[in-house]
N, C-alpha and C. Protein backbone atom coordinates (compact mmCIF):
# COMPACT_ATOMS: atom_id res chain seq x y z
N UNK A 1 103.07 47.19 153.84
CA UNK A 1 102.62 45.87 153.04
C UNK A 1 103.33 44.88 152.57
N UNK A 2 103.01 43.73 152.87
CA UNK A 2 103.41 42.57 153.07
C UNK A 2 104.78 42.36 151.47
N UNK A 3 105.80 42.01 150.68
CA UNK A 3 106.39 42.62 149.59
C UNK A 3 105.68 41.37 148.35
N UNK A 4 105.28 40.24 148.61
CA UNK A 4 104.21 39.53 147.92
C UNK A 4 103.25 40.05 147.51
N UNK A 5 102.75 40.30 148.32
CA UNK A 5 101.06 41.26 147.81
C UNK A 5 101.34 42.25 147.16
N UNK A 6 102.52 42.98 147.45
CA UNK A 6 103.06 43.97 146.63
C UNK A 6 103.37 43.38 144.75
N UNK A 7 104.05 42.57 144.87
CA UNK A 7 104.60 41.72 143.59
C UNK A 7 103.77 41.35 142.82
N UNK A 8 102.29 40.70 143.84
CA UNK A 8 100.73 40.41 142.92
C UNK A 8 100.22 41.22 142.29
N UNK A 9 100.22 42.32 142.74
CA UNK A 9 99.46 43.43 143.07
C UNK A 9 100.05 44.04 141.21
N UNK A 10 101.13 44.45 141.44
CA UNK A 10 102.00 44.70 140.12
C UNK A 10 102.39 43.59 139.43
N UNK A 11 102.56 42.39 139.73
CA UNK A 11 101.93 41.08 138.00
C UNK A 11 100.42 41.28 137.99
N UNK A 12 100.11 42.05 138.71
CA UNK A 12 97.91 42.14 138.08
C UNK A 12 97.73 42.92 137.21
N UNK A 13 98.45 43.84 137.68
CA UNK A 13 98.44 45.47 136.29
C UNK A 13 99.60 45.43 135.50
N UNK A 14 100.17 44.72 135.44
CA UNK A 14 101.53 44.43 134.51
C UNK A 14 100.97 43.59 133.34
N UNK A 15 99.83 42.85 133.48
CA UNK A 15 99.29 41.85 132.43
C UNK A 15 98.66 42.53 131.18
N UNK A 16 97.86 44.23 131.01
CA UNK A 16 97.53 44.87 130.21
C UNK A 16 99.00 45.15 129.31
N UNK A 17 99.97 45.80 130.12
CA UNK A 17 101.21 46.30 129.35
C UNK A 17 101.54 45.43 128.59
N UNK A 18 101.71 44.25 129.14
CA UNK A 18 102.54 43.47 128.52
C UNK A 18 101.15 42.36 127.00
N UNK A 19 100.06 42.42 127.20
CA UNK A 19 98.96 42.33 126.10
C UNK A 19 99.50 43.29 125.29
N UNK A 20 98.89 44.52 125.34
CA UNK A 20 99.25 45.23 124.62
C UNK A 20 100.64 45.18 123.85
N UNK A 21 101.78 45.20 124.32
CA UNK A 21 103.40 45.29 123.89
C UNK A 21 103.38 44.15 122.94
N UNK A 22 102.92 42.91 123.18
CA UNK A 22 102.79 42.05 122.20
C UNK A 22 102.02 42.16 120.66
N UNK A 23 101.21 43.05 121.63
CA UNK A 23 99.74 43.09 120.04
C UNK A 23 100.86 44.41 119.07
N UNK A 24 101.13 45.56 119.82
CA UNK A 24 102.00 46.49 118.88
C UNK A 24 103.37 45.88 118.30
N UNK A 25 103.76 44.90 118.98
CA UNK A 25 104.84 44.32 118.21
C UNK A 25 104.74 43.32 117.40
N UNK A 26 103.67 42.90 116.72
CA UNK A 26 103.56 41.63 116.15
C UNK A 26 104.31 41.51 115.23
N UNK A 27 104.74 42.57 114.20
CA UNK A 27 105.13 42.54 113.36
C UNK A 27 106.55 41.42 112.94
N UNK A 28 106.63 40.88 112.39
CA UNK A 28 107.92 39.84 112.33
C UNK A 28 109.39 40.63 112.67
N UNK A 29 109.57 41.70 112.11
CA UNK A 29 110.73 42.65 112.47
C UNK A 29 110.33 43.29 113.97
N UNK A 30 109.49 42.60 114.57
CA UNK A 30 109.23 43.69 116.06
C UNK A 30 109.43 44.95 116.18
N UNK A 31 110.08 45.13 117.12
CA UNK A 31 110.34 47.01 117.21
C UNK A 31 111.65 47.43 116.89
N UNK A 32 112.04 48.66 116.88
CA UNK A 32 113.42 48.80 117.19
C UNK A 32 113.80 49.38 118.76
N UNK A 33 115.38 49.15 119.29
CA UNK A 33 115.58 48.97 120.69
C UNK A 33 114.98 50.23 121.04
N UNK A 34 115.13 51.87 120.35
CA UNK A 34 114.61 52.96 120.82
C UNK A 34 113.55 52.66 121.56
N UNK A 35 112.35 51.79 120.30
CA UNK A 35 111.06 51.69 120.52
C UNK A 35 110.36 51.18 121.93
N UNK A 36 111.34 49.93 121.78
CA UNK A 36 111.15 48.91 123.04
C UNK A 36 111.78 50.03 124.35
N UNK A 37 112.87 50.54 124.39
CA UNK A 37 112.96 51.59 125.51
C UNK A 37 112.03 52.68 126.04
N UNK A 38 111.24 53.12 124.57
CA UNK A 38 110.31 54.06 124.73
C UNK A 38 109.36 53.44 125.60
N UNK A 39 108.65 52.22 125.11
CA UNK A 39 107.34 51.71 125.69
C UNK A 39 107.74 51.11 126.96
N UNK A 40 108.84 50.22 127.11
CA UNK A 40 109.07 49.77 128.85
C UNK A 40 109.21 51.10 129.77
N UNK A 41 109.62 52.05 129.34
CA UNK A 41 109.76 53.37 129.73
C UNK A 41 108.09 53.96 130.54
N UNK A 42 107.60 54.36 129.26
CA UNK A 42 106.47 55.14 129.31
C UNK A 42 105.15 54.12 130.30
N UNK A 43 105.46 52.39 130.05
CA UNK A 43 104.45 52.11 130.28
C UNK A 43 105.09 51.87 131.72
N UNK A 44 105.79 51.53 132.32
CA UNK A 44 106.38 51.79 133.74
C UNK A 44 106.29 53.33 134.42
N UNK A 45 106.53 54.56 134.00
CA UNK A 45 106.24 55.52 134.56
C UNK A 45 105.06 55.86 134.50
N UNK A 46 103.98 55.40 133.71
CA UNK A 46 102.53 55.80 133.81
C UNK A 46 102.30 54.86 134.93
N UNK A 47 102.25 53.79 135.30
CA UNK A 47 102.00 52.38 136.16
C UNK A 47 102.47 53.21 137.87
N UNK A 48 103.72 53.83 137.50
CA UNK A 48 104.13 54.04 138.88
C UNK A 48 103.39 55.46 139.29
N UNK A 49 103.18 56.28 137.92
CA UNK A 49 102.70 57.66 138.90
C UNK A 49 101.23 57.47 138.95
N UNK A 50 100.39 57.17 138.41
CA UNK A 50 99.19 56.61 138.28
C UNK A 50 98.74 55.89 139.37
N UNK A 51 99.90 55.00 140.56
CA UNK A 51 99.41 54.67 141.52
C UNK A 51 99.48 55.88 142.53
N UNK A 52 101.04 56.73 142.61
CA UNK A 52 100.79 57.60 142.72
C UNK A 52 99.71 58.75 143.51
N UNK A 53 99.62 58.95 142.48
CA UNK A 53 98.00 59.80 141.71
C UNK A 53 96.85 59.64 142.68
N UNK A 54 96.93 57.73 142.24
CA UNK A 54 95.91 57.57 143.01
C UNK A 54 95.90 57.65 144.83
N UNK A 55 96.31 56.98 145.26
CA UNK A 55 97.24 57.24 146.63
C UNK A 55 96.85 58.82 146.95
N UNK A 56 97.26 59.99 146.55
CA UNK A 56 97.20 61.00 146.73
C UNK A 56 95.72 61.54 146.67
N UNK A 57 95.03 61.09 145.89
CA UNK A 57 93.12 61.33 145.48
C UNK A 57 92.45 60.68 146.62
N UNK A 58 93.07 59.68 147.32
CA UNK A 58 92.17 59.10 148.48
C UNK A 58 91.59 58.55 148.53
N UNK A 59 90.69 57.71 149.22
CA UNK A 59 89.29 56.79 148.84
C UNK A 59 87.99 58.04 148.48
N UNK A 60 88.36 59.09 148.82
CA UNK A 60 87.13 59.90 148.88
C UNK A 60 86.29 59.85 147.10
N UNK A 61 87.61 59.74 146.32
CA UNK A 61 87.12 60.19 145.19
C UNK A 61 86.95 58.61 144.48
N UNK A 62 87.12 57.65 145.09
CA UNK A 62 87.07 56.18 144.11
C UNK A 62 85.92 56.06 143.89
N UNK A 63 84.30 56.17 144.22
CA UNK A 63 83.22 56.04 143.68
C UNK A 63 82.78 57.09 142.40
N UNK A 64 83.64 58.41 142.19
CA UNK A 64 83.54 59.08 141.17
C UNK A 64 84.42 58.93 139.67
N UNK A 65 85.43 57.92 139.90
CA UNK A 65 86.44 57.20 139.04
C UNK A 65 85.83 55.80 138.34
N UNK A 66 85.65 55.16 139.53
CA UNK A 66 85.00 53.65 139.44
C UNK A 66 83.97 53.72 138.31
N UNK A 67 83.50 55.02 138.27
CA UNK A 67 82.01 55.05 137.61
C UNK A 67 82.03 55.09 136.16
N UNK A 68 83.55 55.09 135.47
CA UNK A 68 84.01 55.53 133.74
C UNK A 68 85.19 55.62 133.80
N UNK A 69 86.36 54.79 134.38
CA UNK A 69 87.47 54.60 134.01
C UNK A 69 87.73 53.47 133.07
N UNK A 70 86.73 52.73 133.03
CA UNK A 70 86.78 51.40 132.13
C UNK A 70 86.21 51.87 130.90
N UNK A 71 85.40 52.76 130.80
CA UNK A 71 85.07 53.66 129.46
C UNK A 71 86.29 53.92 128.80
N UNK A 72 86.81 54.45 129.86
CA UNK A 72 87.75 55.28 129.28
C UNK A 72 88.91 54.63 128.21
N UNK A 73 89.43 53.15 129.29
CA UNK A 73 90.53 52.75 128.94
C UNK A 73 90.09 51.65 127.85
N UNK A 74 88.49 51.26 127.84
CA UNK A 74 88.07 51.11 126.49
C UNK A 74 88.63 51.59 125.16
N UNK A 75 87.81 53.17 125.29
CA UNK A 75 87.94 53.71 124.27
C UNK A 75 89.08 54.19 124.01
N UNK A 76 90.21 54.21 124.82
CA UNK A 76 91.47 54.18 124.16
C UNK A 76 92.24 53.37 123.33
N UNK A 77 92.02 52.01 124.06
CA UNK A 77 92.18 51.06 123.17
C UNK A 77 91.59 50.61 121.90
N UNK A 78 90.39 50.73 121.89
CA UNK A 78 89.64 51.13 120.48
C UNK A 78 90.07 51.53 119.81
N UNK A 79 90.27 52.98 120.18
CA UNK A 79 90.77 53.75 118.81
C UNK A 79 92.10 53.31 118.31
N UNK A 80 93.13 52.80 119.24
CA UNK A 80 94.34 52.27 117.94
C UNK A 80 94.23 50.99 118.21
N UNK A 81 93.23 50.33 118.29
CA UNK A 81 93.19 48.82 118.05
C UNK A 81 92.58 49.00 116.31
N UNK A 82 91.43 49.84 116.49
CA UNK A 82 90.99 49.95 115.12
C UNK A 82 91.66 50.63 114.03
N UNK A 83 92.84 51.38 114.11
CA UNK A 83 93.74 52.19 113.50
C UNK A 83 94.43 51.06 113.32
N UNK A 84 95.21 50.32 114.10
CA UNK A 84 95.90 49.31 113.45
C UNK A 84 95.16 48.47 112.23
N UNK A 85 93.75 47.40 112.73
CA UNK A 85 93.26 47.12 111.75
C UNK A 85 93.01 47.79 110.46
N UNK A 86 92.77 48.93 110.00
CA UNK A 86 92.75 49.99 109.17
C UNK A 86 93.94 50.09 108.37
N UNK A 87 94.76 50.06 109.08
CA UNK A 87 96.52 49.92 108.86
C UNK A 87 96.91 48.68 107.85
N UNK A 88 96.54 48.13 108.34
CA UNK A 88 96.78 46.62 107.97
C UNK A 88 95.83 45.95 106.16
N UNK A 89 94.61 46.56 106.41
CA UNK A 89 94.08 46.39 105.09
C UNK A 89 94.40 47.48 104.02
N UNK A 90 95.30 48.39 104.06
CA UNK A 90 96.02 49.60 103.10
C UNK A 90 96.88 48.69 102.65
N UNK A 91 97.10 48.84 101.14
CA UNK A 91 98.51 48.14 100.25
C UNK A 91 99.16 48.81 101.21
N UNK A 92 100.28 47.66 101.11
CA UNK A 92 101.41 47.77 101.80
C UNK A 92 102.13 49.23 101.36
N UNK A 93 102.33 50.01 99.88
CA UNK A 93 102.90 50.72 99.14
C UNK A 93 102.54 52.17 99.60
N UNK A 94 100.92 52.10 99.98
CA UNK A 94 100.89 53.28 100.01
C UNK A 94 100.61 53.44 101.84
N UNK A 95 100.74 52.74 102.48
CA UNK A 95 100.24 52.74 104.45
C UNK A 95 102.08 52.82 104.92
N UNK A 96 102.93 52.44 104.15
CA UNK A 96 104.40 52.03 104.27
C UNK A 96 104.98 53.42 105.14
N UNK A 97 104.97 54.13 104.42
CA UNK A 97 105.60 55.68 104.49
C UNK A 97 104.52 56.20 105.48
N UNK A 98 103.07 56.22 106.00
CA UNK A 98 102.38 57.26 106.55
C UNK A 98 102.17 56.16 108.28
N UNK A 99 102.56 54.83 108.08
CA UNK A 99 101.85 53.95 108.68
C UNK A 99 102.06 54.57 110.73
N UNK A 100 100.96 54.61 111.12
CA UNK A 100 101.42 54.87 112.53
C UNK A 100 102.05 53.77 113.92
N UNK A 101 103.08 55.07 114.17
CA UNK A 101 103.70 54.29 115.22
C UNK A 101 103.47 54.43 116.43
N UNK A 102 103.05 53.25 116.97
CA UNK A 102 102.47 53.18 118.52
C UNK A 102 103.31 53.69 119.59
N UNK A 103 105.16 53.67 119.34
CA UNK A 103 105.96 54.52 120.53
C UNK A 103 106.04 55.83 120.17
N UNK A 104 104.89 56.53 119.31
CA UNK A 104 105.13 58.07 119.04
C UNK A 104 104.14 59.17 119.49
N UNK A 105 104.40 59.81 119.99
CA UNK A 105 103.42 60.86 120.14
C UNK A 105 102.28 60.72 120.70
N UNK A 106 100.95 60.62 120.64
CA UNK A 106 99.60 60.47 121.72
C UNK A 106 99.44 59.06 121.58
N UNK A 107 99.69 58.50 120.69
CA UNK A 107 99.62 56.65 120.75
C UNK A 107 100.23 56.13 121.89
N UNK A 108 101.37 56.83 122.13
CA UNK A 108 102.17 55.78 123.30
C UNK A 108 101.51 56.66 124.39
N UNK A 109 101.35 57.30 124.57
CA UNK A 109 100.11 58.20 125.80
C UNK A 109 99.10 57.50 126.05
N UNK A 110 98.67 58.09 124.93
CA UNK A 110 96.78 56.72 125.21
C UNK A 110 97.29 54.96 125.89
N UNK A 111 98.05 54.86 125.14
CA UNK A 111 98.21 53.51 125.80
C UNK A 111 98.78 53.02 126.79
N UNK A 112 99.90 54.14 126.98
CA UNK A 112 100.32 54.14 128.74
C UNK A 112 99.35 54.68 129.60
N UNK A 113 98.67 55.37 129.50
CA UNK A 113 97.45 55.57 130.20
C UNK A 113 96.18 54.78 130.40
N UNK A 114 95.82 54.23 129.04
CA UNK A 114 94.32 53.05 129.17
C UNK A 114 95.60 51.76 130.07
N UNK A 115 96.80 51.43 129.99
CA UNK A 115 97.08 50.21 130.93
C UNK A 115 97.47 50.67 132.41
N UNK A 116 97.80 51.90 132.24
CA UNK A 116 97.98 52.21 134.06
C UNK A 116 96.37 52.95 134.77
N UNK A 117 95.49 52.55 133.83
CA UNK A 117 94.09 53.18 134.75
C UNK A 117 93.88 52.30 136.12
N UNK A 118 93.89 51.21 135.84
CA UNK A 118 93.58 50.01 137.13
C UNK A 118 94.33 51.12 138.24
N UNK A 119 95.57 51.36 137.62
CA UNK A 119 96.86 51.64 138.85
C UNK A 119 96.14 52.64 139.72
N UNK A 120 95.82 53.66 139.00
CA UNK A 120 94.75 54.38 140.01
C UNK A 120 94.18 54.28 141.12
N UNK A 121 93.71 53.06 140.65
CA UNK A 121 92.45 52.18 141.86
C UNK A 121 93.09 51.61 142.58
N UNK A 122 94.25 50.79 142.37
CA UNK A 122 95.10 50.54 143.39
C UNK A 122 95.74 51.27 144.00
N UNK A 123 96.12 52.47 143.75
CA UNK A 123 96.57 53.79 144.46
C UNK A 123 95.70 53.98 145.93
N UNK A 124 94.17 54.28 145.13
CA UNK A 124 92.98 54.71 146.26
C UNK A 124 93.40 53.61 147.07
N UNK A 125 92.85 52.51 146.69
CA UNK A 125 92.82 51.51 147.63
C UNK A 125 94.13 51.21 148.75
N UNK A 126 95.48 51.54 148.34
CA UNK A 126 96.29 51.50 149.33
C UNK A 126 96.03 52.79 150.38
N UNK A 127 95.65 53.75 149.99
CA UNK A 127 95.65 55.19 150.45
C UNK A 127 94.02 54.80 151.13
N UNK A 128 93.25 54.13 151.43
CA UNK A 128 92.40 53.58 152.00
C UNK A 128 92.64 52.90 153.62
N UNK A 129 94.05 52.09 152.55
CA UNK A 129 94.64 50.87 153.74
C UNK A 129 95.52 51.64 154.57
N UNK A 130 95.63 53.11 154.24
CA UNK A 130 96.46 53.61 155.36
C UNK A 130 98.22 52.95 154.71
N UNK A 131 98.46 52.28 153.58
CA UNK A 131 99.91 51.95 153.73
C UNK A 131 100.53 53.36 152.95
N UNK A 132 102.05 52.83 152.97
CA UNK A 132 102.97 53.88 152.34
C UNK A 132 102.94 53.55 150.97
N UNK A 133 103.04 54.43 150.20
CA UNK A 133 103.62 53.90 148.44
C UNK A 133 104.03 54.05 147.36
N UNK A 134 105.38 54.57 148.80
CA UNK A 134 106.55 55.08 147.30
C UNK A 134 107.15 53.82 147.16
N UNK A 135 107.40 52.85 147.93
CA UNK A 135 108.31 51.51 147.47
C UNK A 135 107.44 50.62 146.21
N UNK A 136 105.47 50.36 146.96
CA UNK A 136 104.79 49.54 146.03
C UNK A 136 104.82 50.31 144.55
N UNK A 137 104.78 52.18 144.59
CA UNK A 137 105.02 52.28 143.41
C UNK A 137 105.81 52.00 142.05
N UNK A 138 106.95 52.09 142.92
CA UNK A 138 108.32 51.93 142.05
C UNK A 138 108.08 50.52 141.54
N UNK A 139 108.26 49.68 142.86
CA UNK A 139 108.09 48.09 142.19
C UNK A 139 106.89 47.49 141.25
N UNK A 140 105.56 48.76 141.27
CA UNK A 140 104.57 48.32 140.03
C UNK A 140 104.74 49.05 139.01
N UNK A 141 105.54 50.20 138.65
CA UNK A 141 106.28 50.56 137.51
C UNK A 141 107.65 49.67 136.80
N UNK A 142 108.83 49.55 138.04
CA UNK A 142 109.59 48.62 137.62
C UNK A 142 109.02 47.31 137.26
N UNK A 143 107.93 46.29 137.51
CA UNK A 143 107.11 45.14 136.78
C UNK A 143 106.73 44.88 135.78
N UNK A 144 105.81 46.57 135.73
CA UNK A 144 105.23 46.81 134.61
C UNK A 144 106.12 47.00 133.52
N UNK A 145 107.58 47.95 133.54
CA UNK A 145 108.30 47.85 132.69
C UNK A 145 109.04 46.36 132.25
N UNK A 146 109.39 45.90 132.86
CA UNK A 146 109.86 44.55 132.94
C UNK A 146 108.79 43.31 131.71
N UNK A 147 107.55 43.66 132.12
CA UNK A 147 106.73 43.00 131.56
C UNK A 147 106.42 43.42 130.17
N UNK A 148 106.77 44.10 129.86
CA UNK A 148 106.23 44.95 128.49
C UNK A 148 107.11 44.97 127.69
N UNK A 149 108.79 44.41 128.62
CA UNK A 149 109.98 44.08 128.02
C UNK A 149 109.77 42.51 127.04
N UNK A 150 109.16 41.71 128.19
CA UNK A 150 108.24 40.37 127.97
C UNK A 150 108.44 40.30 126.87
N UNK A 151 107.05 41.42 127.20
CA UNK A 151 105.50 41.14 125.38
C UNK A 151 106.48 41.18 124.33
N UNK A 152 106.84 42.46 124.75
CA UNK A 152 107.53 42.90 123.07
C UNK A 152 108.61 42.14 122.20
N UNK A 153 109.58 41.06 122.95
CA UNK A 153 110.25 40.19 123.02
C UNK A 153 109.21 38.76 122.16
N UNK A 154 108.38 38.62 122.96
CA UNK A 154 107.92 37.35 122.54
C UNK A 154 106.85 37.98 121.25
N UNK A 155 106.17 39.24 120.79
CA UNK A 155 105.59 39.53 119.71
C UNK A 155 106.14 39.33 118.40
N UNK A 156 107.40 39.47 117.89
CA UNK A 156 107.92 39.15 116.81
C UNK A 156 107.83 37.87 116.61
N UNK A 157 107.83 37.09 117.74
CA UNK A 157 107.88 35.60 117.54
C UNK A 157 106.52 35.36 116.67
N UNK A 158 105.44 35.40 117.59
CA UNK A 158 104.15 35.73 117.03
C UNK A 158 103.76 36.25 115.58
N UNK A 159 104.48 37.00 115.33
CA UNK A 159 104.57 37.84 114.12
C UNK A 159 104.74 36.68 113.11
N UNK A 160 106.25 35.86 113.45
CA UNK A 160 106.69 35.31 112.23
C UNK A 160 105.48 34.37 111.98
N UNK A 161 104.83 33.91 113.04
CA UNK A 161 104.10 32.52 112.54
C UNK A 161 102.79 33.22 112.01
N UNK A 162 102.45 34.51 112.57
CA UNK A 162 101.04 35.04 111.67
C UNK A 162 101.45 35.54 110.66
N UNK A 163 102.72 36.00 110.02
CA UNK A 163 103.32 37.35 108.86
C UNK A 163 101.79 38.33 108.56
N UNK A 164 101.81 38.46 107.85
CA UNK A 164 100.55 39.80 107.46
C UNK A 164 99.87 39.50 108.02
N UNK A 165 98.91 38.81 109.03
CA UNK A 165 97.39 39.04 109.50
C UNK A 165 98.38 39.29 110.78
N UNK A 166 99.43 39.82 110.92
CA UNK A 166 99.83 40.21 112.15
C UNK A 166 99.45 41.26 113.00
N UNK A 167 99.62 42.40 111.97
CA UNK A 167 99.07 43.76 112.53
C UNK A 167 97.49 43.79 112.87
N UNK A 168 96.78 42.94 111.83
CA UNK A 168 94.88 43.20 112.44
C UNK A 168 94.81 42.29 113.27
N UNK A 169 95.76 41.02 113.72
CA UNK A 169 95.92 40.43 114.77
C UNK A 169 95.97 41.47 116.16
N UNK A 170 96.90 42.15 115.98
CA UNK A 170 97.90 43.13 117.32
C UNK A 170 96.46 44.26 117.46
N UNK A 171 95.79 44.61 116.32
CA UNK A 171 94.88 45.25 116.90
C UNK A 171 93.37 44.74 117.09
N UNK A 172 93.15 43.54 117.13
CA UNK A 172 91.81 42.84 117.47
C UNK A 172 92.18 42.64 119.25
N UNK A 173 93.75 42.52 119.11
CA UNK A 173 93.89 42.06 120.12
C UNK A 173 94.05 43.33 121.47
N UNK A 174 94.30 44.59 121.41
CA UNK A 174 93.69 46.04 121.93
C UNK A 174 92.46 45.95 122.13
N UNK A 175 91.64 45.83 120.79
CA UNK A 175 90.21 46.09 121.24
C UNK A 175 89.44 44.90 122.09
N UNK A 176 89.98 43.48 121.82
CA UNK A 176 89.47 42.60 123.34
C UNK A 176 90.31 43.48 124.20
N UNK A 177 91.47 43.71 124.78
CA UNK A 177 91.81 43.67 126.17
C UNK A 177 90.82 44.78 126.84
N UNK A 178 91.03 46.24 125.47
CA UNK A 178 89.65 46.97 126.13
C UNK A 178 88.21 46.47 126.39
N UNK A 179 88.00 45.41 125.71
CA UNK A 179 86.42 45.35 126.04
C UNK A 179 86.44 44.47 127.27
N UNK A 180 87.87 43.33 127.64
CA UNK A 180 87.77 42.78 128.52
C UNK A 180 87.82 44.04 130.26
N UNK A 181 88.69 44.65 130.17
CA UNK A 181 88.45 45.57 130.83
C UNK A 181 87.01 46.22 131.26
N UNK A 182 86.52 46.61 130.37
CA UNK A 182 84.84 47.11 130.15
C UNK A 182 84.40 45.59 130.99
N UNK A 183 84.22 44.68 130.46
CA UNK A 183 83.37 43.42 130.83
C UNK A 183 83.51 43.33 132.17
N UNK A 184 84.78 43.87 132.86
CA UNK A 184 85.12 43.55 133.91
C UNK A 184 84.42 44.32 135.15
N UNK A 185 84.61 45.27 134.51
CA UNK A 185 83.92 46.74 135.24
C UNK A 185 82.31 47.12 135.43
N UNK A 186 81.99 46.37 134.06
CA UNK A 186 80.46 46.45 134.15
C UNK A 186 79.40 45.32 135.12
């Protein structure tokens, strides 16, 4: 497959990872290096693995997955987005110690999965085209990691501009990404 096509597909798939990473790094202080590394790693690995899994699943199952993949992505992003909105409305002294870290536990897994569901469909498409998958999947993963890094670097800039409203807006961004995914598939 043409390298420019693979790169274009990788960039298109990485848009959700970029937007989510901006949303969760909107705090003026941003994320710590370890959190940034973990987010880039998870988003890149999930994009790569979901592409490989889609390719392995083959073209027979595409009709089954297309019926509900957008609902799963929407649900995961909405839950995390609403949690961020809720946390933003709590008084700082009560929520400071208990604040949910989107780069830990189930949160990072749900975010990684939600932003990589489309990669599964791309893998299915590559299988239907009888295309080799290893190099495109690795490129997709690398591009997702780089776009995530760009997103977490831009997030704090927007956070300084937005101040205390940043976490609320970050939650809204995640919810709107989920709605966009849902609307694109309905």
